[in-house]
Amino acid sequence: MGQRLTFSYTADVTSSANPELVVLQETCRALTRLRDEAAARSLAELVVRRYANLTRARDDEAKRSFFDFLVRAFAPDPAAVTAAIDAYRRAPDATTAHDLWAASEAPRLDLFRSINLADDGIHPLLTMRADALRLSDDTIAPVERDLAYLLSSWFNRGFLELRAIDWQTPAETLEKLIEYEAVHEIRGWDDLRRRLEHDRRCYGFFHPSLPAEPLIFVEIALVHGLATHIEAVIDAPVPNEDLADPEGTHPADTAIFYSITNCQTGLRGIPLGDFLLKQVTDELQRTVPSLRQFSTLSPVPGLRRWVDDEGIHVDLSADGLRRLTAEYLLHAKRGDEPQDSVARFHLRNGARLEQINVGGDPSPKGEAESYGVLVNYLYDPDQLAENHEAYINEFRVAHAPAVGALLDDERPNPTDS
């Protein structure tokens, strides 16, 4: 016979007014005490259901209380940590270092590993980290950091599978593209089908725990020369010839990465996009040998917010917007790095800022974020390593001479490439 699960509920002082939360907390306590895997799986299922109830109720106050409970009730034992520190000081060797590491590891990690035993247990853990990030409270930061530590191990490159996504991909996955697309909205099934035609490519990373759901995906257009306007990419008519055929009349020479979407907020900060772009570029070089350059058509999401924060007067002429964008991308900083999040991502990967395109995205979102400006980041396989090293070590912003020439008083920090 299976092990009978019995445990009592002792209300936490901060949550006694919420019976649902009390049961969730005590189920977590019981889960960490069990050693029988079958019994632990049953309790893990209960934890998943109880947390899902808080999500359905949109009860952020209860979630905050739950995270606070995890910080207090599942913290490392101070006495054990102190003893391990003393032992390491007396004999600093591999054994005492390991013992110190083990004593310092919060029991929350074992709790999260146990929750992952449940069917589809990875989803609630992703939801928990997304919630902890959204609530953004220093007191619950240890929970978010522990989840990030585990998820970065479980979702490392060795476990991910690169898949091409096309019109023959199961509908369950295609629906996720429509749901998650965050850069340029997919306007229904006809729009999606256009993005998966023979002159387009779409790739995603998948994980065995979420086989039908992309973790991140990238949309690519096979074109001639740098694309400068998003409407010319997503609304272009389907060409009669196969642009991927090297024997064709006018095979494509450029791959434009026009949308990269992270589908799981709970994986924010885990560098899936870096790996995706590199592997997709390798795959495109192999399958479309006519390609000679690889570029993005990227938004500048922080431009207008920077202008408002700095109280900058904006010259809305084309030349004025080019100079404004160059100033922002080359000189506006968050610490030592560029202030713009998209710029940080591509520059860390070794791309260079190639071109500024005024009127590239006239959509309401594009106007609201960047006065409709889009930019090209060029991924030159021969320069990626050098640009990456220059950025990581010196925070130099690789950019084309034409971009630097937009500023009359160019400062020495950026580097012309």
Protein backbone atom coordinates (compact mmCIF):
# COMPACT_ATOMS: atom_id res chain seq x y z
CA MET A 1 0.00 0.00 0.00
CA GLY A 2 1.13 3.56 -0.65
CA GLN A 3 2.28 5.87 2.09
CA ARG A 4 -0.58 7.77 3.70
CA LEU A 5 -0.07 11.52 3.67
CA THR A 6 -1.02 13.16 6.96
CA PHE A 7 0.19 16.48 8.30
CA SER A 8 -1.24 19.25 10.44
CA TYR A 9 -1.59 22.87 9.47
CA THR A 10 0.01 25.50 11.68
CA ALA A 11 -0.94 28.99 10.58
CA ASP A 12 1.87 31.40 9.82
CA VAL A 13 1.51 34.65 11.73
CA THR A 14 1.55 36.77 8.58
CA SER A 15 -1.03 34.73 6.68
CA SER A 16 -3.57 33.38 9.17
CA ALA A 17 -6.35 35.38 7.49
CA ASN A 18 -5.92 33.41 4.25
CA PRO A 19 -6.68 29.68 4.65
CA GLU A 20 -5.56 28.92 1.10
CA LEU A 21 -2.15 30.41 1.82
CA VAL A 22 -1.85 28.57 5.13
CA VAL A 23 -2.46 25.22 3.42
CA LEU A 24 0.07 26.07 0.70
CA GLN A 25 2.72 26.94 3.27
CA GLU A 26 2.22 23.82 5.35
CA THR A 27 2.16 21.63 2.24
CA CYS A 28 5.59 23.05 1.37
CA ARG A 29 6.85 22.23 4.88
CA ALA A 30 5.58 18.67 4.56
CA LEU A 31 7.04 18.28 1.06
CA THR A 32 10.57 19.00 2.28
CA ARG A 33 10.26 16.38 5.03
CA LEU A 34 9.30 13.51 2.74
CA ARG A 35 11.87 11.12 1.30
CA ASP A 36 9.52 8.75 -0.54
CA GLU A 37 9.40 9.94 -4.17
CA ALA A 38 5.83 8.78 -4.87
CA ALA A 39 4.52 10.57 -1.78
CA ALA A 40 6.60 13.65 -2.58
CA ARG A 41 5.15 13.73 -6.10
CA SER A 42 1.61 13.77 -4.65
CA LEU A 43 2.43 16.65 -2.34
CA ALA A 44 4.18 18.49 -5.17
CA GLU A 45 0.94 18.26 -7.16
CA LEU A 46 -0.87 19.86 -4.21
CA VAL A 47 1.65 22.72 -4.07
CA VAL A 48 1.19 23.31 -7.82
CA ARG A 49 -2.59 23.42 -7.49
CA ARG A 50 -2.54 25.68 -4.43
CA TYR A 51 -0.20 28.17 -6.11
CA ALA A 52 -2.34 28.08 -9.26
CA ASN A 53 -5.32 29.08 -7.08
CA LEU A 54 -3.45 32.22 -5.99
CA THR A 55 -2.72 32.98 -9.64
CA ARG A 56 -6.36 32.54 -10.66
CA ALA A 57 -7.40 34.80 -7.78
CA ARG A 58 -4.82 37.39 -8.89
CA ASP A 59 -3.84 37.62 -5.24
CA ASP A 60 -0.48 39.43 -5.29
CA GLU A 61 -0.67 40.12 -1.56
CA ALA A 62 -0.90 36.38 -0.87
CA LYS A 63 1.95 35.66 -3.27
CA ARG A 64 4.13 38.25 -1.58
CA SER A 65 3.34 36.68 1.78
CA PHE A 66 4.17 33.24 0.39
CA PHE A 67 7.54 34.42 -0.93
CA ASP A 68 8.26 36.09 2.40
CA PHE A 69 7.43 32.77 4.08
CA LEU A 70 9.89 30.98 1.78
CA VAL A 71 12.61 33.47 2.70
CA ARG A 72 12.09 33.01 6.44
CA ALA A 73 11.10 29.34 6.75
CA PHE A 74 13.56 27.92 4.21
CA ALA A 75 16.71 29.90 4.94
CA PRO A 76 20.11 28.34 5.64
CA ASP A 77 20.79 27.43 9.29
CA PRO A 78 22.99 30.28 10.68
CA ALA A 79 24.65 27.98 13.21
CA ALA A 80 25.54 25.45 10.50
CA VAL A 81 26.93 28.18 8.24
CA THR A 82 29.01 29.63 11.07
CA ALA A 83 30.39 26.19 11.96
CA ALA A 84 31.27 25.56 8.32
CA ILE A 85 33.03 28.93 8.07
CA ASP A 86 35.07 28.15 11.17
CA ALA A 87 35.98 24.72 9.82
CA TYR A 88 37.11 26.24 6.51
CA ARG A 89 39.24 28.84 8.28
CA ARG A 90 40.93 26.10 10.29
CA ALA A 91 41.51 23.87 7.26
CA PRO A 92 40.84 25.59 3.92
CA ASP A 93 40.67 22.59 1.63
CA ALA A 94 38.27 21.11 -0.92
CA THR A 95 36.29 19.20 1.72
CA THR A 96 35.63 22.14 4.03
CA ALA A 97 34.89 24.37 1.01
CA HIS A 98 32.25 21.87 -0.14
CA ASP A 99 30.81 21.66 3.38
CA LEU A 100 30.57 25.47 3.51
CA TRP A 101 28.80 25.52 0.15
CA ALA A 102 26.35 22.84 1.32
CA ALA A 103 25.61 24.66 4.59
CA SER A 104 25.01 27.93 2.72
CA GLU A 105 22.52 26.46 0.24
CA ALA A 106 18.99 27.46 1.20
CA PRO A 107 16.50 24.61 1.77
CA ARG A 108 14.28 26.49 -0.72
CA LEU A 109 16.33 24.89 -3.48
CA ASP A 110 15.30 21.40 -2.34
CA LEU A 111 11.70 22.59 -2.15
CA PHE A 112 11.81 23.86 -5.73
CA ARG A 113 13.46 20.63 -6.92
CA SER A 114 10.64 18.70 -5.24
CA ILE A 115 7.97 20.87 -6.87
CA ASN A 116 9.55 19.99 -10.21
CA LEU A 117 8.58 16.35 -9.53
CA ALA A 118 4.94 17.22 -10.24
CA ASP A 119 3.53 16.70 -13.71
CA ASP A 120 4.29 19.94 -15.55
CA GLY A 121 6.03 21.16 -12.39
CA ILE A 122 8.32 23.43 -14.39
CA HIS A 123 5.44 25.77 -15.32
CA PRO A 124 4.61 26.85 -11.75
CA LEU A 125 8.31 27.40 -11.04
CA LEU A 126 8.53 29.65 -14.10
CA THR A 127 5.40 31.44 -12.91
CA MET A 128 6.85 31.88 -9.42
CA ARG A 129 10.00 33.52 -10.77
CA ALA A 130 7.97 35.74 -13.12
CA ASP A 131 5.84 36.78 -10.14
CA ALA A 132 8.88 37.46 -7.98
CA LEU A 133 10.39 39.61 -10.74
CA ARG A 134 7.12 41.47 -11.22
CA LEU A 135 6.64 42.14 -7.51
CA SER A 136 10.24 43.46 -7.40
CA ASP A 137 10.76 43.51 -3.63
CA ASP A 138 14.21 43.31 -2.01
CA THR A 139 12.80 41.23 0.85
CA ILE A 140 11.78 38.42 -1.51
CA ALA A 141 14.81 38.71 -3.82
CA PRO A 142 16.42 35.54 -2.37
CA VAL A 143 13.50 33.50 -3.77
CA GLU A 144 13.95 35.00 -7.23
CA ARG A 145 17.71 34.42 -7.16
CA ASP A 146 17.33 30.78 -6.09
CA LEU A 147 14.82 30.14 -8.85
CA ALA A 148 17.11 31.84 -11.38
CA TYR A 149 19.98 29.60 -10.24
CA LEU A 150 17.98 26.41 -10.74
CA LEU A 151 16.32 27.48 -14.00
CA SER A 152 19.65 28.52 -15.53
CA SER A 153 20.88 24.98 -14.83
CA TRP A 154 17.76 23.25 -16.14
CA PHE A 155 17.53 25.45 -19.25
CA ASN A 156 21.17 25.53 -20.24
CA ARG A 157 22.19 25.11 -23.87
CA GLY A 158 22.83 21.38 -23.49
CA PHE A 159 19.13 20.69 -22.85
CA LEU A 160 17.74 22.93 -25.60
CA GLU A 161 16.69 21.80 -29.07
CA LEU A 162 16.73 24.16 -32.04
CA ARG A 163 13.73 23.56 -34.29
CA ALA A 164 12.66 25.14 -37.55
CA ILE A 165 9.04 26.33 -37.35
CA ASP A 166 6.97 26.32 -40.53
CA TRP A 167 3.36 25.99 -41.65
CA GLN A 168 3.52 22.22 -41.04
CA THR A 169 4.40 22.71 -37.36
CA PRO A 170 1.58 21.55 -35.04
CA ALA A 171 -1.11 24.19 -34.49
CA GLU A 172 -0.54 24.13 -30.73
CA THR A 173 2.94 25.54 -31.27
CA LEU A 174 1.86 27.99 -33.99
CA GLU A 175 -0.76 29.40 -31.63
CA LYS A 176 2.04 30.14 -29.16
CA LEU A 177 3.79 32.29 -31.77
CA ILE A 178 0.67 34.43 -32.15
CA GLU A 179 0.23 34.62 -28.38
CA TYR A 180 3.81 35.47 -27.45
CA GLU A 181 5.04 37.67 -30.34
CA ALA A 182 6.17 40.83 -28.54
CA VAL A 183 7.97 42.92 -31.18
CA HIS A 184 5.61 43.08 -34.17
CA GLU A 185 2.11 41.77 -33.49
CA ILE A 186 1.01 38.78 -35.56
CA ARG A 187 -2.39 39.82 -36.91
CA GLY A 188 -4.04 36.43 -37.13
CA TRP A 189 -3.43 33.23 -39.07
CA ASP A 190 -3.01 34.85 -42.49
CA ASP A 191 -0.27 37.11 -41.14
CA LEU A 192 1.41 34.14 -39.48
CA ARG A 193 1.31 32.15 -42.71
CA ARG A 194 3.02 35.02 -44.56
CA ARG A 195 5.80 34.98 -41.95
CA LEU A 196 6.36 31.28 -42.61
CA GLU A 197 6.50 31.40 -46.44
CA HIS A 198 9.48 30.16 -48.48
CA ASP A 199 11.30 33.51 -48.27
CA ARG A 200 11.01 33.53 -44.49
CA ARG A 201 12.50 31.46 -41.71
CA CYS A 202 11.48 30.95 -38.09
CA TYR A 203 13.44 29.04 -35.46
CA GLY A 204 12.85 28.40 -31.78
CA PHE A 205 14.51 26.78 -28.80
CA PHE A 206 12.49 24.02 -27.14
CA HIS A 207 13.02 22.14 -23.87
CA PRO A 208 11.98 18.52 -23.10
CA SER A 209 9.79 19.76 -20.23
CA LEU A 210 7.84 22.07 -22.59
CA PRO A 211 7.88 20.17 -25.90
CA ALA A 212 5.13 22.15 -27.67
CA GLU A 213 6.07 25.58 -26.37
CA PRO A 214 9.00 27.64 -27.69
CA LEU A 215 11.13 29.27 -25.01
CA ILE A 216 12.34 31.89 -27.47
CA PHE A 217 11.91 32.27 -31.22
CA VAL A 218 13.32 34.41 -34.00
CA GLU A 219 11.69 35.47 -37.27
CA ILE A 220 13.89 36.02 -40.33
CA ALA A 221 13.34 37.49 -43.79
CA LEU A 222 15.52 36.46 -46.75
CA VAL A 223 15.99 39.66 -48.78
CA HIS A 224 18.34 41.68 -51.00
CA GLY A 225 20.34 44.23 -49.03
CA LEU A 226 19.55 45.73 -45.63
CA ALA A 227 15.84 46.08 -44.85
CA THR A 228 15.03 49.50 -43.42
CA HIS A 229 11.23 49.48 -42.88
CA ILE A 230 9.31 46.79 -41.03
CA GLU A 231 6.21 47.17 -43.21
CA ALA A 232 8.32 46.28 -46.26
CA VAL A 233 9.27 43.07 -44.47
CA ILE A 234 6.06 41.79 -42.90
CA ASP A 235 3.70 43.04 -45.62
CA ALA A 236 5.85 42.26 -48.66
CA PRO A 237 4.18 40.10 -51.35
CA VAL A 238 5.37 36.51 -51.57
CA PRO A 239 8.03 36.35 -54.31
CA ASN A 240 7.50 33.99 -57.21
CA GLU A 241 11.00 32.59 -57.05
CA ASP A 242 12.69 30.73 -54.20
CA LEU A 243 15.15 33.25 -52.75
CA ALA A 244 16.92 30.42 -50.89
CA ASP A 245 17.84 28.68 -54.15
CA PRO A 246 21.48 29.53 -55.00
CA GLU A 247 20.76 28.63 -58.63
CA GLY A 248 17.85 31.08 -58.83
CA THR A 249 17.81 34.34 -60.76
CA HIS A 250 18.21 36.59 -57.72
CA PRO A 251 18.99 34.53 -54.60
CA ALA A 252 18.80 36.38 -51.29
CA ASP A 253 22.06 37.86 -50.04
CA THR A 254 20.85 39.10 -46.64
CA ALA A 255 19.11 37.53 -43.66
CA ILE A 256 17.14 40.06 -41.63
CA PHE A 257 16.35 39.08 -38.04
CA TYR A 258 13.29 41.25 -37.55
CA SER A 259 11.78 39.82 -34.37
CA ILE A 260 13.23 37.96 -31.39
CA THR A 261 10.71 37.06 -28.68
CA ASN A 262 11.34 35.57 -25.25
CA CYS A 263 8.23 33.56 -24.42
CA GLN A 264 8.84 32.87 -20.73
CA THR A 265 9.14 35.82 -18.35
CA GLY A 266 10.41 33.37 -15.76
CA LEU A 267 13.53 32.85 -17.88
CA ARG A 268 14.37 36.55 -18.11
CA GLY A 269 18.09 37.12 -17.72
CA ILE A 270 18.99 33.57 -18.76
CA PRO A 271 20.96 34.05 -22.02
CA LEU A 272 18.90 31.97 -24.43
CA GLY A 273 18.92 34.63 -27.16
CA ASP A 274 22.73 34.69 -27.39
CA PHE A 275 22.82 30.97 -28.19
CA LEU A 276 19.81 31.16 -30.49
CA LEU A 277 21.24 33.83 -32.79
CA LYS A 278 24.59 32.10 -33.11
CA GLN A 279 23.08 28.71 -33.89
CA VAL A 280 20.52 30.15 -36.31
CA THR A 281 23.24 32.08 -38.15
CA ASP A 282 25.24 28.86 -38.50
CA GLU A 283 22.12 27.04 -39.75
CA LEU A 284 21.36 29.77 -42.31
CA GLN A 285 24.94 29.75 -43.61
CA ARG A 286 24.63 26.02 -44.12
CA THR A 287 21.17 25.94 -45.73
CA VAL A 288 21.16 29.24 -47.69
CA PRO A 289 24.71 29.56 -49.08
CA SER A 290 23.92 32.73 -51.05
CA LEU A 291 23.66 34.77 -47.85
CA ARG A 292 26.46 37.29 -47.41
CA GLN A 293 25.28 39.39 -44.47
CA PHE A 294 23.22 38.89 -41.34
CA SER A 295 21.47 41.85 -39.79
CA THR A 296 18.66 42.76 -37.46
CA LEU A 297 15.90 45.29 -37.99
CA SER A 298 15.57 46.31 -34.37
CA PRO A 299 13.45 48.65 -32.26
CA VAL A 300 14.94 51.35 -30.04
CA PRO A 301 12.53 50.91 -27.12
CA GLY A 302 14.09 53.39 -24.69
CA LEU A 303 14.61 56.36 -27.00
CA ARG A 304 11.49 58.37 -26.29
CA ARG A 305 11.62 57.63 -22.55
CA TRP A 306 15.22 58.91 -22.47
CA VAL A 307 14.20 62.08 -24.29
CA ASP A 308 11.39 62.69 -21.78
CA ASP A 309 13.59 61.96 -18.76
CA GLU A 310 16.36 64.27 -19.99
CA GLY A 311 13.99 67.02 -21.16
CA ILE A 312 15.59 67.06 -24.61
CA HIS A 313 14.16 69.23 -27.37
CA VAL A 314 13.55 67.00 -30.39
CA ASP A 315 14.18 68.00 -33.98
CA LEU A 316 11.66 65.79 -35.78
CA SER A 317 13.31 66.13 -39.18
CA ALA A 318 14.92 62.99 -40.60
CA ASP A 319 18.43 64.30 -39.93
CA GLY A 320 17.42 65.40 -36.46
CA LEU A 321 16.04 61.99 -35.55
CA ARG A 322 19.15 60.25 -36.90
CA ARG A 323 21.41 62.45 -34.77
CA LEU A 324 19.17 62.00 -31.73
CA THR A 325 19.21 58.21 -32.11
CA ALA A 326 22.98 58.13 -32.59
CA GLU A 327 23.46 60.24 -29.47
CA TYR A 328 21.23 57.92 -27.48
CA LEU A 329 22.74 54.65 -28.67
CA LEU A 330 26.38 55.77 -28.53
CA HIS A 331 26.41 57.93 -25.41
CA ALA A 332 23.37 57.38 -23.14
CA LYS A 333 24.54 54.98 -20.43
CA ARG A 334 23.25 52.70 -17.72
CA GLY A 335 26.45 52.40 -15.71
CA ASP A 336 29.13 51.59 -18.28
CA GLU A 337 26.74 49.99 -20.78
CA PRO A 338 24.31 51.56 -23.24
CA GLN A 339 21.01 52.55 -21.72
CA ASP A 340 19.01 50.82 -24.44
CA SER A 341 18.21 47.18 -23.62
CA VAL A 342 18.13 46.00 -27.25
CA ALA A 343 21.50 47.64 -27.90
CA ARG A 344 23.01 45.88 -24.87
CA PHE A 345 21.77 42.52 -26.12
CA HIS A 346 23.15 42.80 -29.64
CA LEU A 347 26.42 44.50 -28.72
CA ARG A 348 27.17 41.83 -26.12
CA ASN A 349 26.75 39.29 -28.91
CA GLY A 350 29.36 41.02 -31.06
CA ALA A 351 27.10 42.90 -33.48
CA ARG A 352 27.81 46.45 -34.59
CA LEU A 353 25.39 49.33 -34.93
CA GLU A 354 25.21 49.62 -38.73
CA GLN A 355 22.40 51.98 -39.76
CA ILE A 356 19.63 54.21 -38.38
CA ASN A 357 16.32 54.08 -40.23
CA VAL A 358 13.92 56.98 -39.69
CA GLY A 359 10.29 56.00 -40.29
CA GLY A 360 11.18 52.32 -40.03
CA ASP A 361 8.20 51.53 -37.79
CA PRO A 362 5.27 53.94 -38.18
CA SER A 363 2.99 51.82 -35.97
CA PRO A 364 1.55 53.42 -32.79
CA LYS A 365 3.96 51.33 -30.70
CA GLY A 366 6.93 52.36 -32.83
CA GLU A 367 6.01 56.04 -32.63
CA ALA A 368 5.45 55.83 -28.87
CA GLU A 369 8.78 54.14 -28.18
CA SER A 370 11.16 55.70 -30.68
CA TYR A 371 9.45 58.21 -32.98
CA GLY A 372 9.21 55.34 -35.49
CA VAL A 373 12.99 54.80 -35.69
CA LEU A 374 14.44 51.32 -36.27
CA VAL A 375 18.11 50.36 -36.51
CA ASN A 376 20.19 47.62 -38.13
CA TYR A 377 22.72 45.69 -36.04
CA LEU A 378 25.10 43.82 -38.33
CA TYR A 379 26.33 40.35 -37.37
CA ASP A 380 29.59 39.98 -39.29
CA PRO A 381 30.90 36.46 -38.53
CA ASP A 382 34.49 37.68 -39.03
CA GLN A 383 34.10 40.50 -36.48
CA LEU A 384 31.83 38.99 -33.83
CA ALA A 385 34.58 37.80 -31.48
CA GLU A 386 36.56 41.04 -31.70
CA ASN A 387 33.47 43.22 -31.15
CA HIS A 388 32.31 41.03 -28.26
CA GLU A 389 35.68 41.25 -26.51
CA ALA A 390 35.85 45.03 -26.99
CA TYR A 391 32.39 45.43 -25.52
CA ILE A 392 32.81 43.07 -22.58
CA ASN A 393 36.26 44.36 -21.60
CA GLU A 394 36.01 48.06 -22.45
CA PHE A 395 32.28 48.69 -23.12
CA ARG A 396 33.14 49.98 -26.56
CA VAL A 397 30.15 50.32 -28.88
CA ALA A 398 31.06 48.98 -32.30
CA HIS A 399 29.40 51.06 -35.00
CA ALA A 400 29.70 51.89 -38.68
CA PRO A 401 31.57 55.10 -39.57
CA ALA A 402 28.38 56.54 -41.06
CA VAL A 403 26.69 56.34 -37.65
CA GLY A 404 29.57 58.07 -35.91
CA ALA A 405 29.59 60.77 -38.57
CA LEU A 406 26.09 61.82 -37.50
CA LEU A 407 27.58 63.39 -34.37
CA ASP A 408 29.75 66.47 -34.81
CA ASP A 409 31.41 66.05 -31.42
CA GLU A 410 31.93 62.30 -31.42
CA ARG A 411 33.58 61.24 -28.18
CA PRO A 412 36.34 58.63 -27.92
CA ASN A 413 34.36 55.92 -26.10
CA PRO A 414 32.62 54.36 -29.15
CA THR A 415 34.78 52.64 -31.75
CA ASP A 416 34.41 52.94 -35.50
CA SER A 417 34.64 49.51 -37.07
